[in-house]
PDB file of all heavy atoms in Angstrom:
ATOM      1  N   HIS A   1      92.473 110.155  94.357  1.00  0.00           N
ATOM      2  CA  HIS A   1      92.524 110.262  95.814  1.00  0.00           C
ATOM      3  C   HIS A   1      93.780 109.547  96.313  1.00  0.00           C
ATOM      4  O   HIS A   1      93.980 108.371  96.031  1.00  0.00           O
ATOM      5  CB  HIS A   1      91.271 109.639  96.436  1.00  0.00           C
ATOM      6  CG  HIS A   1      91.284 109.660  97.923  1.00  0.00           C
ATOM      7  ND1 HIS A   1      91.448 108.521  98.665  1.00  0.00           N
ATOM      8  CD2 HIS A   1      91.159 110.679  98.799  1.00  0.00           C
ATOM      9  CE1 HIS A   1      91.423 108.846  99.944  1.00  0.00           C
ATOM     10  NE2 HIS A   1      91.243 110.149 100.039  1.00  0.00           N
ATOM     11  N   LEU A   2      94.628 110.274  97.068  1.00  0.00           N
ATOM     12  CA  LEU A   2      95.905 109.732  97.528  1.00  0.00           C
ATOM     13  C   LEU A   2      95.882 109.277  98.980  1.00  0.00           C
ATOM     14  O   LEU A   2      96.857 108.725  99.469  1.00  0.00           O
ATOM     15  CB  LEU A   2      97.012 110.776  97.360  1.00  0.00           C
ATOM     16  CG  LEU A   2      97.198 111.344  95.965  1.00  0.00           C
ATOM     17  CD1 LEU A   2      98.286 112.397  95.977  1.00  0.00           C
ATOM     18  CD2 LEU A   2      97.500 110.246  94.972  1.00  0.00           C
ATOM     19  N   GLY A   3      94.784 109.520  99.657  1.00  0.00           N
ATOM     20  CA  GLY A   3      94.686 109.184 101.078  1.00  0.00           C
ATOM     21  C   GLY A   3      94.399 110.435 101.876  1.00  0.00           C
ATOM     22  O   GLY A   3      94.687 111.550 101.437  1.00  0.00           O
ATOM     23  N   GLY A   4      93.822 110.243 103.048  1.00  0.00           N
ATOM     24  CA  GLY A   4      93.450 111.390 103.871  1.00  0.00           C
ATOM     25  C   GLY A   4      92.529 112.294 103.087  1.00  0.00           C
ATOM     26  O   GLY A   4      91.557 111.851 102.483  1.00  0.00           O
ATOM     27  N   GLU A   5      92.857 113.576 103.061  1.00  0.00           N
ATOM     28  CA  GLU A   5      92.064 114.539 102.296  1.00  0.00           C
ATOM     29  C   GLU A   5      92.771 114.964 101.016  1.00  0.00           C
ATOM     30  O   GLU A   5      92.370 115.932 100.376  1.00  0.00           O
ATOM     31  CB  GLU A   5      91.755 115.750 103.165  1.00  0.00           C
ATOM     32  CG  GLU A   5      90.869 115.403 104.348  1.00  0.00           C
ATOM     33  CD  GLU A   5      90.516 116.627 105.181  1.00  0.00           C
ATOM     34  OE1 GLU A   5      90.670 117.757 104.690  1.00  0.00           O
ATOM     35  OE2 GLU A   5      90.088 116.431 106.322  1.00  0.00           O
ATOM     36  N   ALA A   6      93.818 114.244 100.638  1.00  0.00           N
ATOM     37  CA  ALA A   6      94.619 114.623  99.467  1.00  0.00           C
ATOM     38  C   ALA A   6      94.039 114.059  98.176  1.00  0.00           C
ATOM     39  O   ALA A   6      93.843 112.857  98.043  1.00  0.00           O
ATOM     40  CB  ALA A   6      96.055 114.143  99.633  1.00  0.00           C
ATOM     41  N   VAL A   7      93.772 114.971  97.263  1.00  0.00           N
ATOM     42  CA  VAL A   7      93.277 114.628  95.937  1.00  0.00           C
ATOM     43  C   VAL A   7      94.066 115.467  94.943  1.00  0.00           C
ATOM     44  O   VAL A   7      94.261 116.664  95.157  1.00  0.00           O
ATOM     45  CB  VAL A   7      91.771 114.948  95.806  1.00  0.00           C
ATOM     46  CG1 VAL A   7      91.269 114.618  94.425  1.00  0.00           C
ATOM     47  CG2 VAL A   7      90.970 114.188  96.851  1.00  0.00           C
ATOM     48  N   VAL A   8      94.548 114.831  93.869  1.00  0.00           N
ATOM     49  CA  VAL A   8      95.286 115.561  92.842  1.00  0.00           C
ATOM     50  C   VAL A   8      94.677 115.279  91.472  1.00  0.00           C
ATOM     51  O   VAL A   8      94.030 114.252  91.271  1.00  0.00           O
ATOM     52  CB  VAL A   8      96.789 115.188  92.823  1.00  0.00           C
ATOM     53  CG1 VAL A   8      97.472 115.599  94.107  1.00  0.00           C
ATOM     54  CG2 VAL A   8      96.997 113.718  92.535  1.00  0.00           C
ATOM     55  N   HIS A   9      94.879 116.190  90.566  1.00  0.00           N
ATOM     56  CA  HIS A   9      94.430 115.994  89.193  1.00  0.00           C
ATOM     57  C   HIS A   9      95.326 114.928  88.561  1.00  0.00           C
ATOM     58  O   HIS A   9      96.549 114.992  88.686  1.00  0.00           O
ATOM     59  CB  HIS A   9      94.526 117.311  88.422  1.00  0.00           C
ATOM     60  CG  HIS A   9      93.730 117.287  87.164  1.00  0.00           C
ATOM     61  ND1 HIS A   9      94.185 116.681  86.026  1.00  0.00           N
ATOM     62  CD2 HIS A   9      92.494 117.776  86.884  1.00  0.00           C
ATOM     63  CE1 HIS A   9      93.280 116.803  85.079  1.00  0.00           C
ATOM     64  NE2 HIS A   9      92.238 117.460  85.578  1.00  0.00           N
ATOM     65  N   GLU A  10      94.739 113.954  87.904  1.00  0.00           N
ATOM     66  CA  GLU A  10      95.517 112.854  87.331  1.00  0.00           C
ATOM     67  C   GLU A  10      96.560 113.324  86.333  1.00  0.00           C
ATOM     68  O   GLU A  10      97.627 112.731  86.234  1.00  0.00           O
ATOM     69  CB  GLU A  10      94.595 111.826  86.664  1.00  0.00           C
ATOM     70  CG  GLU A  10      93.894 110.949  87.654  1.00  0.00           C
ATOM     71  CD  GLU A  10      93.066 109.871  86.982  1.00  0.00           C
ATOM     72  OE1 GLU A  10      92.814 109.951  85.762  1.00  0.00           O
ATOM     73  OE2 GLU A  10      92.683 108.940  87.687  1.00  0.00           O
ATOM     74  N   LYS A  11      96.294 114.401  85.619  1.00  0.00           N
ATOM     75  CA  LYS A  11      97.257 114.904  84.638  1.00  0.00           C
ATOM     76  C   LYS A  11      98.504 115.480  85.294  1.00  0.00           C
ATOM     77  O   LYS A  11      99.529 115.624  84.636  1.00  0.00           O
ATOM     78  CB  LYS A  11      96.603 115.946  83.737  1.00  0.00           C
ATOM     79  CG  LYS A  11      95.582 115.334  82.804  1.00  0.00           C
ATOM     80  CD  LYS A  11      95.019 116.367  81.867  1.00  0.00           C
ATOM     81  CE  LYS A  11      94.004 115.709  80.939  1.00  0.00           C
ATOM     82  NZ  LYS A  11      93.462 116.659  79.971  1.00  0.00           N
ATOM     83  N   SER A  12      98.437 115.803  86.581  1.00  0.00           N
ATOM     84  CA  SER A  12      99.603 116.348  87.265  1.00  0.00           C
ATOM     85  C   SER A  12     100.534 115.243  87.790  1.00  0.00           C
ATOM     86  O   SER A  12     101.666 115.526  88.176  1.00  0.00           O
ATOM     87  CB  SER A  12      99.181 117.247  88.429  1.00  0.00           C
ATOM     88  OG  SER A  12      98.626 116.489  89.492  1.00  0.00           O
ATOM     89  N   VAL A  13     100.072 114.000  87.774  1.00  0.00           N
ATOM     90  CA  VAL A  13     100.877 112.887  88.301  1.00  0.00           C
ATOM     91  C   VAL A  13     101.963 112.521  87.300  1.00  0.00           C
ATOM     92  O   VAL A  13     101.689 112.205  86.144  1.00  0.00           O
ATOM     93  CB  VAL A  13      99.999 111.656  88.612  1.00  0.00           C
ATOM     94  CG1 VAL A  13     100.861 110.489  89.058  1.00  0.00           C
ATOM     95  CG2 VAL A  13      98.968 111.999  89.676  1.00  0.00           C
ATOM     96  N   ILE A  14     103.197 112.581  87.763  1.00  0.00           N
ATOM     97  CA  ILE A  14     104.345 112.194  86.939  1.00  0.00           C
ATOM     98  C   ILE A  14     104.661 110.724  87.146  1.00  0.00           C
ATOM     99  O   ILE A  14     104.894 109.985  86.191  1.00  0.00           O
ATOM    100  CB  ILE A  14     105.577 113.053  87.289  1.00  0.00           C
ATOM    101  CG1 ILE A  14     105.293 114.511  86.928  1.00  0.00           C
ATOM    102  CG2 ILE A  14     106.820 112.530  86.579  1.00  0.00           C
ATOM    103  CD1 ILE A  14     106.353 115.464  87.397  1.00  0.00           C
ATOM    104  N   ALA A  15     104.672 110.290  88.412  1.00  0.00           N
ATOM    105  CA  ALA A  15     105.021 108.900  88.712  1.00  0.00           C
ATOM    106  C   ALA A  15     104.497 108.496  90.084  1.00  0.00           C
ATOM    107  O   ALA A  15     104.320 109.337  90.961  1.00  0.00           O
ATOM    108  CB  ALA A  15     106.535 108.722  88.683  1.00  0.00           C
ATOM    109  N   VAL A  16     104.267 107.196  90.226  1.00  0.00           N
ATOM    110  CA  VAL A  16     103.870 106.607  91.503  1.00  0.00           C
ATOM    111  C   VAL A  16     104.880 105.522  91.816  1.00  0.00           C
ATOM    112  O   VAL A  16     105.141 104.649  90.985  1.00  0.00           O
ATOM    113  CB  VAL A  16     102.451 106.003  91.424  1.00  0.00           C
ATOM    114  CG1 VAL A  16     102.075 105.358  92.747  1.00  0.00           C
ATOM    115  CG2 VAL A  16     101.426 107.062  91.029  1.00  0.00           C
ATOM    116  N   PHE A  17     105.482 105.584  93.001  1.00  0.00           N
ATOM    117  CA  PHE A  17     106.528 104.649  93.383  1.00  0.00           C
ATOM    118  C   PHE A  17     106.148 103.860  94.630  1.00  0.00           C
ATOM    119  O   PHE A  17     105.552 104.409  95.552  1.00  0.00           O
ATOM    120  CB  PHE A  17     107.833 105.395  93.687  1.00  0.00           C
ATOM    121  CG  PHE A  17     108.408 106.111  92.511  1.00  0.00           C
ATOM    122  CD1 PHE A  17     108.187 107.476  92.327  1.00  0.00           C
ATOM    123  CD2 PHE A  17     109.172 105.440  91.575  1.00  0.00           C
ATOM    124  CE1 PHE A  17     108.722 108.147  91.249  1.00  0.00           C
ATOM    125  CE2 PHE A  17     109.718 106.098  90.485  1.00  0.00           C
ATOM    126  CZ  PHE A  17     109.486 107.456  90.324  1.00  0.00           C
ATOM    127  N   ASP A  18     106.534 102.609  94.657  1.00  0.00           N
ATOM    128  CA  ASP A  18     106.384 101.769  95.832  1.00  0.00           C
ATOM    129  C   ASP A  18     107.486 102.148  96.821  1.00  0.00           C
ATOM    130  O   ASP A  18     108.668 102.169  96.457  1.00  0.00           O
ATOM    131  CB  ASP A  18     106.503 100.289  95.444  1.00  0.00           C
ATOM    132  CG  ASP A  18     106.387  99.399  96.637  1.00  0.00           C
ATOM    133  OD1 ASP A  18     105.260  99.188  97.120  1.00  0.00           O
ATOM    134  OD2 ASP A  18     107.439  98.912  97.104  1.00  0.00           O
ATOM    135  N   MET A  19     107.129 102.458  98.034  1.00  0.00           N
ATOM    136  CA  MET A  19     108.084 102.926  99.026  1.00  0.00           C
ATOM    137  C   MET A  19     109.156 101.880  99.338  1.00  0.00           C
ATOM    138  O   MET A  19     110.344 102.200  99.373  1.00  0.00           O
ATOM    139  CB  MET A  19     107.350 103.330 100.309  1.00  0.00           C
ATOM    140  CG  MET A  19     108.210 104.003 101.338  1.00  0.00           C
ATOM    141  SD  MET A  19     108.804 105.634 100.860  1.00  0.00           S
ATOM    142  CE  MET A  19     107.370 106.627 101.157  1.00  0.00           C
ATOM    143  N   ASP A  20     108.756 100.632  99.538  1.00  0.00           N
ATOM    144  CA  ASP A  20     109.716  99.587  99.907  1.00  0.00           C
ATOM    145  C   ASP A  20     110.714  99.292  98.799  1.00  0.00           C
ATOM    146  O   ASP A  20     111.905  99.131  99.053  1.00  0.00           O
ATOM    147  CB  ASP A  20     108.993  98.293 100.283  1.00  0.00           C
ATOM    148  CG  ASP A  20     108.268  98.399 101.610  1.00  0.00           C
ATOM    149  OD1 ASP A  20     108.659  99.249 102.439  1.00  0.00           O
ATOM    150  OD2 ASP A  20     107.308  97.640 101.818  1.00  0.00           O
ATOM    151  N   ASN A  21     110.243  99.210  97.573  1.00  0.00           N
ATOM    152  CA  ASN A  21     111.120  98.834  96.462  1.00  0.00           C
ATOM    153  C   ASN A  21     112.041  99.950  95.996  1.00  0.00           C
ATOM    154  O   ASN A  21     113.136  99.672  95.508  1.00  0.00           O
ATOM    155  CB  ASN A  21     110.293  98.341  95.271  1.00  0.00           C
ATOM    156  CG  ASN A  21     109.631  97.025  95.561  1.00  0.00           C
ATOM    157  OD1 ASN A  21     110.142  96.206  96.303  1.00  0.00           O
ATOM    158  ND2 ASN A  21     108.476  96.813  94.978  1.00  0.00           N
ATOM    159  N   THR A  22     111.615 101.189  96.111  1.00  0.00           N
ATOM    160  CA  THR A  22     112.428 102.272  95.553  1.00  0.00           C
ATOM    161  C   THR A  22     113.355 102.938  96.558  1.00  0.00           C
ATOM    162  O   THR A  22     114.358 103.511  96.154  1.00  0.00           O
ATOM    163  CB  THR A  22     111.550 103.347  94.901  1.00  0.00           C
ATOM    164  OG1 THR A  22     110.656 103.865  95.875  1.00  0.00           O
ATOM    165  CG2 THR A  22     110.788 102.783  93.723  1.00  0.00           C
ATOM    166  N   THR A  23     113.051 102.885  97.842  1.00  0.00           N
ATOM    167  CA  THR A  23     113.909 103.570  98.809  1.00  0.00           C
ATOM    168  C   THR A  23     115.178 102.786  99.113  1.00  0.00           C
ATOM    169  O   THR A  23     116.006 103.254  99.879  1.00  0.00           O
ATOM    170  CB  THR A  23     113.148 103.905 100.108  1.00  0.00           C
ATOM    171  OG1 THR A  23     112.546 102.721 100.619  1.00  0.00           O
ATOM    172  CG2 THR A  23     112.090 104.966  99.858  1.00  0.00           C
ATOM    173  N   ILE A  24     115.336 101.644  98.484  1.00  0.00           N
ATOM    174  CA  ILE A  24     116.598 100.900  98.586  1.00  0.00           C
ATOM    175  C   ILE A  24     117.687 101.663  97.837  1.00  0.00           C
ATOM    176  O   ILE A  24     118.842 101.694  98.245  1.00  0.00           O
ATOM    177  CB  ILE A  24     116.437  99.474  97.996  1.00  0.00           C
ATOM    178  CG1 ILE A  24     115.414  98.694  98.804  1.00  0.00           C
ATOM    179  CG2 ILE A  24     117.762  98.746  97.957  1.00  0.00           C
ATOM    180  CD1 ILE A  24     114.997  97.391  98.160  1.00  0.00           C
ATOM    181  N   SER A  25     117.298 102.299  96.752  1.00  0.00           N
ATOM    182  CA  SER A  25     118.233 103.021  95.885  1.00  0.00           C
ATOM    183  C   SER A  25     118.724 104.310  96.544  1.00  0.00           C
ATOM    184  O   SER A  25     117.939 105.081  97.105  1.00  0.00           O
ATOM    185  CB  SER A  25     117.526 103.361  94.570  1.00  0.00           C
ATOM    186  OG  SER A  25     118.208 104.365  93.879  1.00  0.00           O
ATOM    187  N   ARG A  26     120.001 104.565  96.426  1.00  0.00           N
ATOM    188  CA  ARG A  26     120.593 105.786  96.965  1.00  0.00           C
ATOM    189  C   ARG A  26     120.014 107.016  96.259  1.00  0.00           C
ATOM    190  O   ARG A  26     119.768 108.040  96.884  1.00  0.00           O
ATOM    191  CB  ARG A  26     122.107 105.739  96.804  1.00  0.00           C
ATOM    192  CG  ARG A  26     122.809 106.950  97.354  1.00  0.00           C
ATOM    193  CD  ARG A  26     124.296 106.847  97.252  1.00  0.00           C
ATOM    194  NE  ARG A  26     124.681 105.941  96.164  1.00  0.00           N
ATOM    195  CZ  ARG A  26     125.917 105.678  95.823  1.00  0.00           C
ATOM    196  NH1 ARG A  26     126.900 106.217  96.475  1.00  0.00           N
ATOM    197  NH2 ARG A  26     126.181 104.854  94.833  1.00  0.00           N
ATOM    198  N   GLN A  27     119.785 106.906  94.949  1.00  0.00           N
ATOM    199  CA  GLN A  27     119.227 108.033  94.199  1.00  0.00           C
ATOM    200  C   GLN A  27     117.813 108.380  94.674  1.00  0.00           C
ATOM    201  O   GLN A  27     117.463 109.554  94.785  1.00  0.00           O
ATOM    202  CB  GLN A  27     119.202 107.731  92.689  1.00  0.00           C
ATOM    203  CG  GLN A  27     120.559 107.659  92.049  1.00  0.00           C
ATOM    204  CD  GLN A  27     121.162 106.264  92.130  1.00  0.00           C
ATOM    205  OE1 GLN A  27     120.585 105.354  92.727  1.00  0.00           O
ATOM    206  NE2 GLN A  27     122.331 106.095  91.547  1.00  0.00           N
ATOM    207  N   SER A  28     117.006 107.368  94.948  1.00  0.00           N
ATOM    208  CA  SER A  28     115.645 107.615  95.437  1.00  0.00           C
ATOM    209  C   SER A  28     115.667 108.264  96.808  1.00  0.00           C
ATOM    210  O   SER A  28     114.912 109.208  97.069  1.00  0.00           O
ATOM    211  CB  SER A  28     114.850 106.311  95.504  1.00  0.00           C
ATOM    212  OG  SER A  28     114.676 105.783  94.231  1.00  0.00           O
ATOM    213  N   ARG A  29     116.523 107.772  97.682  1.00  0.00           N
ATOM    214  CA  ARG A  29     116.634 108.376  99.020  1.00  0.00           C
ATOM    215  C   ARG A  29     117.092 109.826  98.910  1.00  0.00           C
ATOM    216  O   ARG A  29     116.583 110.705  99.604  1.00  0.00           O
ATOM    217  CB  ARG A  29     117.574 107.569  99.898  1.00  0.00           C
ATOM    218  CG  ARG A  29     116.994 106.239 100.353  1.00  0.00           C
ATOM    219  CD  ARG A  29     117.809 105.597 101.464  1.00  0.00           C
ATOM    220  NE  ARG A  29     119.239 105.559 101.199  1.00  0.00           N
ATOM    221  CZ  ARG A  29     119.890 104.563 100.602  1.00  0.00           C
ATOM    222  NH1 ARG A  29     119.219 103.507 100.191  1.00  0.00           N
ATOM    223  NH2 ARG A  29     121.188 104.616 100.422  1.00  0.00           N
ATOM    224  N   HIS A  30     118.048 110.085  98.019  1.00  0.00           N
ATOM    225  CA  HIS A  30     118.543 111.449  97.819  1.00  0.00           C
ATOM    226  C   HIS A  30     117.417 112.343  97.296  1.00  0.00           C
ATOM    227  O   HIS A  30     117.237 113.470  97.773  1.00  0.00           O
ATOM    228  CB  HIS A  30     119.723 111.442  96.844  1.00  0.00           C
ATOM    229  CG  HIS A  30     120.240 112.807  96.523  1.00  0.00           C
ATOM    230  ND1 HIS A  30     120.952 113.560  97.437  1.00  0.00           N
ATOM    231  CD2 HIS A  30     120.131 113.566  95.408  1.00  0.00           C
ATOM    232  CE1 HIS A  30     121.258 114.721  96.890  1.00  0.00           C
ATOM    233  NE2 HIS A  30     120.763 114.748  95.647  1.00  0.00           N
ATOM    234  N   PHE A  31     116.652 111.851  96.317  1.00  0.00           N
ATOM    235  CA  PHE A  31     115.531 112.600  95.774  1.00  0.00           C
ATOM    236  C   PHE A  31     114.530 112.961  96.876  1.00  0.00           C
ATOM    237  O   PHE A  31     114.112 114.117  96.994  1.00  0.00           O
ATOM    238  CB  PHE A  31     114.838 111.801  94.664  1.00  0.00           C
ATOM    239  CG  PHE A  31     113.553 112.415  94.198  1.00  0.00           C
ATOM    240  CD1 PHE A  31     113.553 113.537  93.380  1.00  0.00           C
ATOM    241  CD2 PHE A  31     112.332 111.885  94.591  1.00  0.00           C
ATOM    242  CE1 PHE A  31     112.372 114.114  92.956  1.00  0.00           C
ATOM    243  CE2 PHE A  31     111.140 112.439  94.166  1.00  0.00           C
ATOM    244  CZ  PHE A  31     111.161 113.563  93.352  1.00  0.00           C
ATOM    245  N   LEU A  32     114.145 111.983  97.678  1.00  0.00           N
ATOM    246  CA  LEU A  32     113.182 112.238  98.758  1.00  0.00           C
ATOM    247  C   LEU A  32     113.735 113.219  99.789  1.00  0.00           C
ATOM    248  O   LEU A  32     113.020 114.105 100.265  1.00  0.00           O
ATOM    249  CB  LEU A  32     112.758 110.933  99.422  1.00  0.00           C
ATOM    250  CG  LEU A  32     111.845 110.045  98.588  1.00  0.00           C
ATOM    251  CD1 LEU A  32     111.663 108.682  99.258  1.00  0.00           C
ATOM    252  CD2 LEU A  32     110.503 110.713  98.353  1.00  0.00           C
ATOM    253  N   ASN A  33     115.012 113.070 100.141  1.00  0.00           N
ATOM    254  CA  ASN A  33     115.627 113.993 101.101  1.00  0.00           C
ATOM    255  C   ASN A  33     115.655 115.421 100.564  1.00  0.00           C
ATOM    256  O   ASN A  33     115.365 116.371 101.288  1.00  0.00           O
ATOM    257  CB  ASN A  33     117.036 113.532 101.463  1.00  0.00           C
ATOM    258  CG  ASN A  33     117.043 112.318 102.352  1.00  0.00           C
ATOM    259  OD1 ASN A  33     116.094 112.060 103.075  1.00  0.00           O
ATOM    260  ND2 ASN A  33     118.112 111.547 102.289  1.00  0.00           N
ATOM    261  N   GLU A  34     116.014 115.578  99.282  1.00  0.00           N
ATOM    262  CA  GLU A  34     116.087 116.915  98.688  1.00  0.00           C
ATOM    263  C   GLU A  34     114.711 117.562  98.564  1.00  0.00           C
ATOM    264  O   GLU A  34     114.554 118.752  98.840  1.00  0.00           O
ATOM    265  CB  GLU A  34     116.771 116.864  97.317  1.00  0.00           C
ATOM    266  CG  GLU A  34     118.270 116.705  97.405  1.00  0.00           C
ATOM    267  CD  GLU A  34     118.928 117.856  98.156  1.00  0.00           C
ATOM    268  OE1 GLU A  34     118.712 119.027  97.792  1.00  0.00           O
ATOM    269  OE2 GLU A  34     119.654 117.569  99.124  1.00  0.00           O
ATOM    270  N   THR A  35     113.712 116.800  98.147  1.00  0.00           N
ATOM    271  CA  THR A  35     112.375 117.383  98.036  1.00  0.00           C
ATOM    272  C   THR A  35     111.831 117.753  99.415  1.00  0.00           C
ATOM    273  O   THR A  35     111.158 118.773  99.558  1.00  0.00           O
ATOM    274  CB  THR A  35     111.388 116.442  97.302  1.00  0.00           C
ATOM    275  OG1 THR A  35     111.386 115.167  97.939  1.00  0.00           O
ATOM    276  CG2 THR A  35     111.749 116.306  95.839  1.00  0.00           C
ATOM    277  N   GLN A  36     112.169 116.954 100.415  1.00  0.00           N
ATOM    278  CA  GLN A  36     111.733 117.290 101.772  1.00  0.00           C
ATOM    279  C   GLN A  36     112.441 118.554 102.258  1.00  0.00           C
ATOM    280  O   GLN A  36     111.819 119.424 102.862  1.00  0.00           O
ATOM    281  CB  GLN A  36     112.002 116.125 102.719  1.00  0.00           C
ATOM    282  CG  GLN A  36     111.412 116.334 104.086  1.00  0.00           C
ATOM    283  CD  GLN A  36     111.393 115.069 104.913  1.00  0.00           C
ATOM    284  OE1 GLN A  36     112.162 114.151 104.667  1.00  0.00           O
ATOM    285  NE2 GLN A  36     110.515 115.023 105.872  1.00  0.00           N
ATOM    286  N   ARG A  37     113.712 118.673 101.973  1.00  0.00           N
ATOM    287  CA  ARG A  37     114.485 119.853 102.374  1.00  0.00           C
ATOM    288  C   ARG A  37     113.908 121.123 101.743  1.00  0.00           C
ATOM    289  O   ARG A  37     113.849 122.179 102.368  1.00  0.00           O
ATOM    290  CB  ARG A  37     115.952 119.681 101.974  1.00  0.00           C
ATOM    291  CG  ARG A  37     116.866 120.808 102.428  1.00  0.00           C
ATOM    292  CD  ARG A  37     118.283 120.649 101.902  1.00  0.00           C
ATOM    293  NE  ARG A  37     118.361 120.703 100.449  1.00  0.00           N
ATOM    294  CZ  ARG A  37     118.281 121.822  99.712  1.00  0.00           C
ATOM    295  NH1 ARG A  37     118.086 122.980 100.289  1.00  0.00           N
ATOM    296  NH2 ARG A  37     118.390 121.767  98.404  1.00  0.00           N
ATOM    297  N   ARG A  38     113.418 121.011 100.497  1.00  0.00           N
ATOM    298  CA  ARG A  38     112.838 122.158  99.796  1.00  0.00           C
ATOM    299  C   ARG A  38     111.374 122.411 100.161  1.00  0.00           C
ATOM    300  O   ARG A  38     110.742 123.321  99.637  1.00  0.00           O
ATOM    301  CB  ARG A  38     112.959 121.953  98.282  1.00  0.00           C
ATOM    302  CG  ARG A  38     114.381 122.006  97.759  1.00  0.00           C
ATOM    303  CD  ARG A  38     114.432 122.051  96.243  1.00  0.00           C
ATOM    304  NE  ARG A  38     113.735 120.948  95.611  1.00  0.00           N
ATOM    305  CZ  ARG A  38     114.322 119.860  95.111  1.00  0.00           C
ATOM    306  NH1 ARG A  38     115.628 119.716  95.180  1.00  0.00           N
ATOM    307  NH2 ARG A  38     113.605 118.918  94.531  1.00  0.00           N
ATOM    308  N   GLY A  39     110.825 121.582 101.028  1.00  0.00           N
ATOM    309  CA  GLY A  39     109.439 121.766 101.449  1.00  0.00           C
ATOM    310  C   GLY A  39     108.419 121.307 100.431  1.00  0.00           C
ATOM    311  O   GLY A  39     107.287 121.786 100.420  1.00  0.00           O
ATOM    312  N   GLU A  40     108.803 120.360  99.585  1.00  0.00           N
ATOM    313  CA  GLU A  40     107.924 119.872  98.525  1.00  0.00           C
ATOM    314  C   GLU A  40     107.240 118.556  98.870  1.00  0.00           C
ATOM    315  O   GLU A  40     106.551 117.987  98.035  1.00  0.00           O
ATOM    316  CB  GLU A  40     108.727 119.702  97.227  1.00  0.00           C
ATOM    317  CG  GLU A  40     109.317 121.001  96.714  1.00  0.00           C
ATOM    318  CD  GLU A  40     110.273 120.820  95.559  1.00  0.00           C
ATOM    319  OE1 GLU A  40     110.707 119.677  95.291  1.00  0.00           O
ATOM    320  OE2 GLU A  40     110.599 121.823  94.914  1.00  0.00           O
ATOM    321  N   VAL A  41     107.416 118.069 100.095  1.00  0.00           N
ATOM    322  CA  VAL A  41     106.826 116.791 100.497  1.00  0.00           C
ATOM    323  C   VAL A  41     105.571 117.053 101.327  1.00  0.00           C
ATOM    324  O   VAL A  41     105.574 117.870 102.244  1.00  0.00           O
ATOM    325  CB  VAL A  41     107.829 115.932 101.301  1.00  0.00           C
ATOM    326  CG1 VAL A  41     107.168 114.687 101.851  1.00  0.00           C
ATOM    327  CG2 VAL A  41     109.012 115.554 100.428  1.00  0.00           C
TER     328      VAL A  41
END
C-alpha cells in the first residue's frame, strides 16, 4: 500500500526513494521531470 487507494504488487517495485534526500541530485530531478513529461507519474 503506497497511500490513498494506490496498491502495487511488491514484485513490480524497483526502488523506493526518500524525496528529501534524492531530489537534491540533478539526475534525480531530471528523472522525475522526464517521467512526469511522459505521463508515468
